[in-house]
Amino acid sequence: MTVFSSTSVLQKTAGVTLSKPVQVTLYMLLSSLIIWTVLFSTYPAAHNTAHSARHHTLGVACH
């Protein structure tokens, strides 16, 4: 019979979930999702703010 100590299981879990590649991947996915949601939002306040910021910061001519 094998008995797992709760600390070893937590350490293994923390080692996997807190590794740098996992953190970077989750950060990039979350950031991309937020940017995608705001830029393509139909909610007027979010859309107008993102639209104005896009034109002012990127120098994109208005359609």
C-alpha atoms as a PDB file:
ATOM      1  CA  MET A   1       0.000   0.000   0.000  1.00  0.00           C
ATOM      2  CA  THR A   2       1.371   3.393  -1.010  1.00  0.00           C
ATOM      3  CA  VAL A   3       0.579   6.457   1.032  1.00  0.00           C
ATOM      4  CA  PHE A   4       1.036   9.864  -0.579  1.00  0.00           C
ATOM      5  CA  SER A   5       1.867  12.685   1.732  1.00  0.00           C
ATOM      6  CA  SER A   6      -0.098  15.830   1.051  1.00  0.00           C
ATOM      7  CA  THR A   7       3.065  17.945   0.938  1.00  0.00           C
ATOM      8  CA  SER A   8       4.684  15.907  -1.832  1.00  0.00           C
ATOM      9  CA  VAL A   9       1.531  16.067  -3.956  1.00  0.00           C
ATOM     10  CA  LEU A  10       1.276  19.830  -3.391  1.00  0.00           C
ATOM     11  CA  GLN A  11       4.939  20.321  -4.225  1.00  0.00           C
ATOM     12  CA  LYS A  12       4.592  18.392  -7.475  1.00  0.00           C
ATOM     13  CA  THR A  13       1.457  20.348  -8.390  1.00  0.00           C
ATOM     14  CA  ALA A  14       3.096  23.677  -7.561  1.00  0.00           C
ATOM     15  CA  GLY A  15       6.148  22.700  -9.591  1.00  0.00           C
ATOM     16  CA  VAL A  16       4.034  22.069 -12.675  1.00  0.00           C
ATOM     17  CA  THR A  17       1.602  24.944 -12.428  1.00  0.00           C
ATOM     18  CA  LEU A  18       4.131  27.571 -11.352  1.00  0.00           C
ATOM     19  CA  SER A  19       6.854  26.758 -13.875  1.00  0.00           C
ATOM     20  CA  LYS A  20       7.946  29.689 -16.034  1.00  0.00           C
ATOM     21  CA  PRO A  21       6.790  28.225 -19.388  1.00  0.00           C
ATOM     22  CA  VAL A  22       3.326  27.574 -17.972  1.00  0.00           C
ATOM     23  CA  GLN A  23       3.130  31.065 -16.474  1.00  0.00           C
ATOM     24  CA  VAL A  24       4.230  32.701 -19.728  1.00  0.00           C
ATOM     25  CA  THR A  25       1.785  30.641 -21.780  1.00  0.00           C
ATOM     26  CA  LEU A  26      -1.140  31.410 -19.482  1.00  0.00           C
ATOM     27  CA  TYR A  27      -0.232  35.098 -19.373  1.00  0.00           C
ATOM     28  CA  MET A  28      -0.053  35.331 -23.166  1.00  0.00           C
ATOM     29  CA  LEU A  29      -3.324  33.462 -23.636  1.00  0.00           C
ATOM     30  CA  LEU A  30      -5.142  35.615 -21.097  1.00  0.00           C
ATOM     31  CA  SER A  31      -3.694  38.825 -22.542  1.00  0.00           C
ATOM     32  CA  SER A  32      -4.636  37.796 -26.064  1.00  0.00           C
ATOM     33  CA  LEU A  33      -8.167  36.925 -24.979  1.00  0.00           C
ATOM     34  CA  ILE A  34      -8.619  40.280 -23.250  1.00  0.00           C
ATOM     35  CA  ILE A  35      -7.246  42.234 -26.221  1.00  0.00           C
ATOM     36  CA  TRP A  36      -9.375  40.230 -28.693  1.00  0.00           C
ATOM     37  CA  THR A  37     -12.497  40.761 -26.571  1.00  0.00           C
ATOM     38  CA  VAL A  38     -11.986  44.514 -26.226  1.00  0.00           C
ATOM     39  CA  LEU A  39     -11.016  45.149 -29.849  1.00  0.00           C
ATOM     40  CA  PHE A  40     -13.939  43.203 -31.275  1.00  0.00           C
ATOM     41  CA  SER A  41     -16.468  44.152 -28.636  1.00  0.00           C
ATOM     42  CA  THR A  42     -19.860  45.441 -29.664  1.00  0.00           C
ATOM     43  CA  TYR A  43     -20.306  47.127 -26.283  1.00  0.00           C
ATOM     44  CA  PRO A  44     -20.145  50.813 -27.283  1.00  0.00           C
ATOM     45  CA  ALA A  45     -18.015  52.084 -24.399  1.00  0.00           C
ATOM     46  CA  ALA A  46     -15.337  49.398 -24.824  1.00  0.00           C
ATOM     47  CA  HIS A  47     -15.429  49.547 -28.616  1.00  0.00           C
ATOM     48  CA  ASN A  48     -15.148  53.335 -28.836  1.00  0.00           C
ATOM     49  CA  THR A  49     -12.290  53.491 -26.347  1.00  0.00           C
ATOM     50  CA  ALA A  50     -10.347  50.722 -28.087  1.00  0.00           C
ATOM     51  CA  HIS A  51     -11.103  52.250 -31.483  1.00  0.00           C
ATOM     52  CA  SER A  52      -9.798  55.659 -30.450  1.00  0.00           C
ATOM     53  CA  ALA A  53      -6.714  54.188 -28.786  1.00  0.00           C
ATOM     54  CA  ARG A  54      -5.939  52.100 -31.860  1.00  0.00           C
ATOM     55  CA  HIS A  55      -6.101  55.131 -34.138  1.00  0.00           C
ATOM     56  CA  HIS A  56      -4.110  57.396 -31.824  1.00  0.00           C
ATOM     57  CA  THR A  57      -1.328  54.938 -30.975  1.00  0.00           C
ATOM     58  CA  LEU A  58      -0.878  53.127 -34.264  1.00  0.00           C
ATOM     59  CA  GLY A  59      -1.489  56.052 -36.587  1.00  0.00           C
ATOM     60  CA  VAL A  60      -4.121  54.080 -38.479  1.00  0.00           C
ATOM     61  CA  ALA A  61      -6.300  56.210 -40.717  1.00  0.00           C
ATOM     62  CA  CYS A  62      -9.982  56.049 -39.927  1.00  0.00           C
ATOM     63  CA  HIS A  63     -12.104  54.029 -42.283  1.00  0.00           C
END
